[in-house]
């Protein structure tokens, strides 16, 4: 479907890719109804000077989540690493084989994420 730039901007405000959404809509009336439904929210965002496409907002939200994950405190980062280990099996194998694999791995995690 051929959209005006305004229609495309309104659709991009509410869906990730307005042109793809419009091209896959069953009827032109669905596209026009969606544009009409969200036009006022789009106009308000433009008037406030904070217009962002849906993709931009989704990307920003994903970046916030990633930053929160990356900037977690040391104890949370350690817990994530500990959870990946099969600690009981590692301890059993160390006992049986006379090795220190489990202790070495725990110390490695602790040195990677020191308290503080």
C-alpha atoms as a PDB file:
ATOM      1  CA  UNK A   1       0.000   0.000   0.000  1.00  0.00           C
ATOM      2  CA  UNK A   2       1.279   3.457  -0.823  1.00  0.00           C
ATOM      3  CA  UNK A   3       1.305   5.667   2.268  1.00  0.00           C
ATOM      4  CA  UNK A   4       1.820   9.372   2.695  1.00  0.00           C
ATOM      5  CA  UNK A   5       4.834  10.333   4.803  1.00  0.00           C
ATOM      6  CA  UNK A   6       2.511  11.358   7.640  1.00  0.00           C
ATOM      7  CA  UNK A   7       0.658   8.040   7.561  1.00  0.00           C
ATOM      8  CA  UNK A   8       3.973   6.202   7.590  1.00  0.00           C
ATOM      9  CA  UNK A   9       5.225   8.323  10.494  1.00  0.00           C
ATOM     10  CA  UNK A  10       2.066   7.593  12.495  1.00  0.00           C
ATOM     11  CA  UNK A  11       2.330   3.871  11.796  1.00  0.00           C
ATOM     12  CA  UNK A  12       6.026   3.861  12.676  1.00  0.00           C
ATOM     13  CA  UNK A  13       5.056   5.464  15.979  1.00  0.00           C
ATOM     14  CA  UNK A  14       2.977   2.415  16.936  1.00  0.00           C
ATOM     15  CA  UNK A  15       4.487  -0.537  15.039  1.00  0.00           C
ATOM     16  CA  UNK A  16       8.080  -1.555  14.404  1.00  0.00           C
ATOM     17  CA  UNK A  17       7.893  -1.181  10.617  1.00  0.00           C
ATOM     18  CA  UNK A  18       4.880   0.770   9.385  1.00  0.00           C
ATOM     19  CA  UNK A  19       5.374   0.001   5.706  1.00  0.00           C
ATOM     20  CA  UNK A  20       5.677  -3.745   6.275  1.00  0.00           C
ATOM     21  CA  UNK A  21       2.642  -3.663   8.544  1.00  0.00           C
ATOM     22  CA  UNK A  22       0.625  -1.761   5.937  1.00  0.00           C
ATOM     23  CA  UNK A  23       1.761  -4.080   3.146  1.00  0.00           C
ATOM     24  CA  UNK A  24       0.559  -7.085   5.149  1.00  0.00           C
ATOM     25  CA  UNK A  25      -2.731  -5.596   6.328  1.00  0.00           C
ATOM     26  CA  UNK A  26      -5.773  -7.413   5.004  1.00  0.00           C
ATOM     27  CA  UNK A  27      -7.612  -4.269   3.965  1.00  0.00           C
ATOM     28  CA  UNK A  28      -6.724  -0.664   3.339  1.00  0.00           C
ATOM     29  CA  UNK A  29      -9.452   0.297   5.835  1.00  0.00           C
ATOM     30  CA  UNK A  30      -7.452  -1.434   8.594  1.00  0.00           C
ATOM     31  CA  UNK A  31      -4.432   0.706   7.817  1.00  0.00           C
ATOM     32  CA  UNK A  32      -6.440   3.911   7.704  1.00  0.00           C
ATOM     33  CA  UNK A  33      -8.236   3.008  10.938  1.00  0.00           C
ATOM     34  CA  UNK A  34      -4.936   2.375  12.717  1.00  0.00           C
ATOM     35  CA  UNK A  35      -3.548   5.679  11.469  1.00  0.00           C
ATOM     36  CA  UNK A  36      -6.690   7.518  12.624  1.00  0.00           C
ATOM     37  CA  UNK A  37      -6.623   5.793  16.013  1.00  0.00           C
ATOM     38  CA  UNK A  38      -3.034   6.784  16.774  1.00  0.00           C
ATOM     39  CA  UNK A  39      -2.781  10.149  15.045  1.00  0.00           C
ATOM     40  CA  UNK A  40      -3.463  12.163  18.189  1.00  0.00           C
ATOM     41  CA  UNK A  41      -0.788  10.332  20.215  1.00  0.00           C
ATOM     42  CA  UNK A  42       1.655  10.867  17.352  1.00  0.00           C
ATOM     43  CA  UNK A  43       0.777  14.582  17.145  1.00  0.00           C
ATOM     44  CA  UNK A  44       1.208  14.934  20.897  1.00  0.00           C
ATOM     45  CA  UNK A  45       4.647  13.314  20.800  1.00  0.00           C
ATOM     46  CA  UNK A  46       5.728  15.558  17.922  1.00  0.00           C
ATOM     47  CA  UNK A  47       4.419  18.663  19.725  1.00  0.00           C
ATOM     48  CA  UNK A  48       6.340  17.738  22.888  1.00  0.00           C
ATOM     49  CA  UNK A  49       9.464  17.255  20.826  1.00  0.00           C
ATOM     50  CA  UNK A  50       9.955  13.671  21.940  1.00  0.00           C
ATOM     51  CA  UNK A  51       8.783  11.766  18.895  1.00  0.00           C
ATOM     52  CA  UNK A  52      10.486   8.424  18.464  1.00  0.00           C
ATOM     53  CA  UNK A  53       9.495   5.537  16.276  1.00  0.00           C
ATOM     54  CA  UNK A  54       8.352   2.341  17.932  1.00  0.00           C
ATOM     55  CA  UNK A  55      11.652   0.739  16.938  1.00  0.00           C
ATOM     56  CA  UNK A  56      13.619   3.565  18.553  1.00  0.00           C
ATOM     57  CA  UNK A  57      11.604   3.225  21.767  1.00  0.00           C
ATOM     58  CA  UNK A  58      11.982  -0.567  21.769  1.00  0.00           C
ATOM     59  CA  UNK A  59      15.733  -0.280  21.147  1.00  0.00           C
ATOM     60  CA  UNK A  60      16.093   2.266  23.968  1.00  0.00           C
ATOM     61  CA  UNK A  61      14.162   0.000  26.345  1.00  0.00           C
ATOM     62  CA  UNK A  62      16.307  -2.973  25.381  1.00  0.00           C
ATOM     63  CA  UNK A  63      19.428  -0.887  25.980  1.00  0.00           C
ATOM     64  CA  UNK A  64      18.141   0.057  29.454  1.00  0.00           C
ATOM     65  CA  UNK A  65      17.569  -3.616  30.265  1.00  0.00           C
ATOM     66  CA  UNK A  66      21.023  -4.526  28.974  1.00  0.00           C
ATOM     67  CA  UNK A  67      22.641  -1.705  30.961  1.00  0.00           C
ATOM     68  CA  UNK A  68      20.844  -2.846  34.101  1.00  0.00           C
ATOM     69  CA  UNK A  69      22.037  -6.410  33.499  1.00  0.00           C
ATOM     70  CA  UNK A  70      25.611  -5.309  32.775  1.00  0.00           C
ATOM     71  CA  UNK A  71      25.751  -2.959  35.782  1.00  0.00           C
ATOM     72  CA  UNK A  72      24.384  -5.423  38.325  1.00  0.00           C
ATOM     73  CA  UNK A  73      26.204  -5.548  41.658  1.00  0.00           C
ATOM     74  CA  UNK A  74      29.030  -8.035  42.157  1.00  0.00           C
ATOM     75  CA  UNK A  75      26.894 -10.495  44.142  1.00  0.00           C
ATOM     76  CA  UNK A  76      24.288 -10.758  41.382  1.00  0.00           C
ATOM     77  CA  UNK A  77      26.980 -11.295  38.752  1.00  0.00           C
ATOM     78  CA  UNK A  78      28.502 -14.044  40.893  1.00  0.00           C
ATOM     79  CA  UNK A  79      25.118 -15.705  41.366  1.00  0.00           C
ATOM     80  CA  UNK A  80      24.589 -15.773  37.599  1.00  0.00           C
ATOM     81  CA  UNK A  81      27.923 -17.518  37.121  1.00  0.00           C
ATOM     82  CA  UNK A  82      27.420 -19.942  40.000  1.00  0.00           C
ATOM     83  CA  UNK A  83      24.057 -20.956  38.563  1.00  0.00           C
ATOM     84  CA  UNK A  84      25.771 -22.056  35.334  1.00  0.00           C
ATOM     85  CA  UNK A  85      27.981 -24.523  37.205  1.00  0.00           C
ATOM     86  CA  UNK A  86      27.101 -28.089  38.034  1.00  0.00           C
ATOM     87  CA  UNK A  87      28.679 -27.629  41.446  1.00  0.00           C
ATOM     88  CA  UNK A  88      27.726 -30.923  43.091  1.00  0.00           C
ATOM     89  CA  UNK A  89      29.116 -32.907  40.186  1.00  0.00           C
ATOM     90  CA  UNK A  90      32.259 -30.764  40.146  1.00  0.00           C
ATOM     91  CA  UNK A  91      32.761 -31.366  43.876  1.00  0.00           C
ATOM     92  CA  UNK A  92      32.156 -35.099  43.499  1.00  0.00           C
ATOM     93  CA  UNK A  93      34.613 -35.337  40.586  1.00  0.00           C
ATOM     94  CA  UNK A  94      37.218 -33.344  42.522  1.00  0.00           C
ATOM     95  CA  UNK A  95      36.820 -35.656  45.535  1.00  0.00           C
ATOM     96  CA  UNK A  96      37.071 -38.750  43.355  1.00  0.00           C
ATOM     97  CA  UNK A  97      39.913 -37.515  41.151  1.00  0.00           C
ATOM     98  CA  UNK A  98      41.892 -35.518  43.698  1.00  0.00           C
ATOM     99  CA  UNK A  99      41.504 -32.307  41.658  1.00  0.00           C
ATOM    100  CA  UNK A 100      40.493 -28.742  42.534  1.00  0.00           C
ATOM    101  CA  UNK A 101      38.335 -27.872  39.522  1.00  0.00           C
ATOM    102  CA  UNK A 102      35.409 -26.592  41.601  1.00  0.00           C
ATOM    103  CA  UNK A 103      37.547 -24.445  43.914  1.00  0.00           C
ATOM    104  CA  UNK A 104      39.466 -23.081  40.938  1.00  0.00           C
ATOM    105  CA  UNK A 105      36.264 -22.123  39.138  1.00  0.00           C
ATOM    106  CA  UNK A 106      34.773 -20.477  42.254  1.00  0.00           C
ATOM    107  CA  UNK A 107      37.988 -18.500  42.798  1.00  0.00           C
ATOM    108  CA  UNK A 108      37.980 -17.457  39.145  1.00  0.00           C
ATOM    109  CA  UNK A 109      34.420 -16.132  39.474  1.00  0.00           C
ATOM    110  CA  UNK A 110      35.265 -14.337  42.714  1.00  0.00           C
ATOM    111  CA  UNK A 111      38.304 -12.678  41.157  1.00  0.00           C
ATOM    112  CA  UNK A 112      36.275 -11.661  38.073  1.00  0.00           C
ATOM    113  CA  UNK A 113      33.586 -10.065  40.281  1.00  0.00           C
ATOM    114  CA  UNK A 114      35.295  -8.832  43.472  1.00  0.00           C
ATOM    115  CA  UNK A 115      33.293  -7.506  46.397  1.00  0.00           C
ATOM    116  CA  UNK A 116      32.891  -3.843  46.426  1.00  0.00           C
END
